[in-house]
Structure formats: C-alpha cells, structure tokens
Amino acid sequence: MKRRRILPALLAVVLCLGMLCLIPVTAAPLYFTAVNDSVSHLTADTMPFWSGGTLYVPYTVFNARLNGIGVGLGLDTSYNRNNNTVTIFNLKQMLVFDLNNGTCRDEMTGTPYAARAILRSGKPYVPVNTVCSFFGMEYSYNQLPYITQGYLVRIKGADTALDDATFIDAARRLINDRLRDYTQSLSPAETATPAVPANPSGAGGDAEMDGSNVATYLAFRCEDARGLSSILNSLDASGQYALFFLAPQMIREEGDLVRRMLGTGHSVGILASEGAEEQLEEGRLALEELVHTRTTLAYVPDGIRAALEEEGWVCWEETLLLEPTDTVSAAGFASTVVNRLGSRRRTVYLTLEGGDNTARILPALLRQLNSSHYTVAIPMETKL
C-alpha cells in the first residue's frame, strides 16, 4: 500500500519539475527585463542588448504606460519621430537623446553626456546606465542560474522590495512562463530545423533557393566614403541593418556618416590590415572621440585573428567576400549571391566591398535575399 501512495507523489514531483525545466529555444543569449519586482514580457523587439560595452534597453521600459507591466519609476517618455529624439523626464529633470547626432544632454542645464541612443527595428534603445545614473536609480545585470544563456536586467527604483538573489529565486516560475510564451511566439522558421533540399545547387532542376532559418549578417568594408550615402539609403528603405568596417582615417574624416550609421541602428567596426594593432587602437580612439562609444568589432587578416581575439577583439570571419564590377547587372549579381548561398544551412556572414558598384546592386540584392527567405539579422557583438 505504501508503494501505491508513493508512486503518485513521485509522478507529481516529476510533473512539477518538468514545468520548470529550461525550454530550449536558441543558443543565443536571452535578456529578460524586470522593473522593481515585476518581470516584463520577453519579445525579440524589446530585448536588451550589448553594444560597444554598453547595455541598452528600450526607452519604453521607463514608462509604466508603455512597458507592458504597468510598473512605473516616476518617469515619462516620448519619442519624436520628426526630429528623431527620445525624451525621458519627470517634474524636475529631462534627458534628451538625439539619434541623428548621436548625442545626449540634460535639457534643463544643457550639460552634455557621453552617451547615445540606438535605433533597432524602428524602436529607440537607450543606455540603461546613463538613464539610471541621471535619475538616481539603480540597475543590475545577473545570469539566471536556471536558464542557460539567460540573463536578467533589473531596473530598480525606490519601490523595490527584494534583493536580486531573492527576486531571481522568487520569480523563477514567472520567468520560465515568459520564456515559454516567447518560444511559442517564434515562427516555425525560427524554431524548426529545415530539411536540406536534395538538389540545393539547382543543377538539373529549377528548384527555388530557400534560405529559411539562415541568419545572414551583412557587412561592408569601407576604406573611403564612396557610395556610402546610397548604401545607407537602401538599408533604411528596406528596414535592414548592417555592420560597417571603417578605416581609422575615414572615421575621422566622415563624422556625419558615422553618426548616421550608429544613430539609425547599424554597427561600426574597425578595418585594419598591416600594423593591425596600431590601426585598431587608432580607430577605436577616433570612434570614442566622435560618438563616445567603444567597439570591439574588427576586420583583420586571418593570420592575426587568434591573437587579437585573446585581447578581446571580436573578429569578423566571413562566409563570402564579394565586390561587384562595373559590368555586372544588379539582378545578375543578386542571383549569383543567392546561388552561392543556396546550399548553406547555417549562419551566413556576407561581406561586400564598399563603393559605387555595391551601392548600385544593393537594392536588388536585399530584395533577392528577402524573396529567398534569408533573414538579414541585426549584427551585435554578442552574436558574431
């Protein structure tokens, strides 16, 4: 009789543990957000991210009417799309981020701050450290012990009741529920493992290339500014984001273009060749002086990549490096690229040489990648 009573109890325990188990969604880091003692919903377009050593969160997190959980910090926020500015304020203070210029200032006193906002998927993100410091709040960043690659960004105002360790333990079930909802919201293309077609190259048939589930990171090598304005216009028009590797001298000479790249959500790295370490340091300092941000992204020769990565640089390792010629048509070049990517079923790192020809073919290439279901992913240092 004892054995009969124990068995249902064991089954109940196993069922409860199963409800709390990690839901395998992706190897990429997952960043949860909490305000005081409440956990926000986890969505791809509101997830915090790191860029240039700075942690960014959506500006809406600080507004109880917009953060989805109704928890306030005594702040209000606004985003003016006409002049591309984000304002965070209360009755006594006002902080303004100008995305066009890559600047941040105290609107009341005019004091500038070495910080900037970033546009991702049409949504402004702001540096959490700058906002919390300005308004006298605290924030924390902790790895979740029960979710692999899971992290919690917690913004804390005067009404916070629990310390981080207690809160992380108490919120375990809710955080797992948020993860489950996020997993279920993903499209089949993001969660399923696609079958490799029997004839991926198209030889002997007319099978359409299908890049479903293949994240494609797009980068441009830019030794000068030729074609850059047009490249940025094409990316903005298509809602896509890219990584620009810029020579140090170009960063110093093309400040307006660099500010535009970062202000509209693109990423910037340093392009270096001979004397790479000196060039990387020169480029990093130039970027810091121009827009008050750091980068660890680098495009360097293969032979020195390992040594630089040990020093903390994130070195780009491309799948394809292409440079369109004067004679190739935009449609022909786009088809060639997709054909060369057709048999790949993992992450693609596509590099294009900057210049007028790349600017000419880019709209066609972006359309072809989209129609072939390649997802042009947002480049971030934590994902490369």
Foldseek 3Di string as FASTA:
>chain_A
DVVVVVVVVVVVVVVVVVLLAADDQDLFAFEWEAEQLGTAFGAPVQTWADFQNFIKGFPQCQPLVRRRPNDHQQWDWDADPVQGKIWIDHPPWIWIARLQQLWIATPVPRHTDLFHWFAALNTIIGGPVVVCVVVVWDWDKAAQPRYNSYIYIYTYHPPRDDDPVVSSVVCSSVVSVSVVVRSVPDDCLSGPQDDQDPCLLQPPHNDFFAQRNAAEAEEEEDAACALVVLQVVLCVVVVFEHEYAYFLVRLQVVLSSVSNNRSHHYHYAHEAEPVRVVRRVSNQVSCCVRNVGGHLEYEYDPVCVVVSVVVPHQYDDAPDEDEDDPPDALLRVLVVVSSVCRRDRYYHYYYYYDHNVCSRNVNNNVVSCVVSNHHHDHDHSSPD
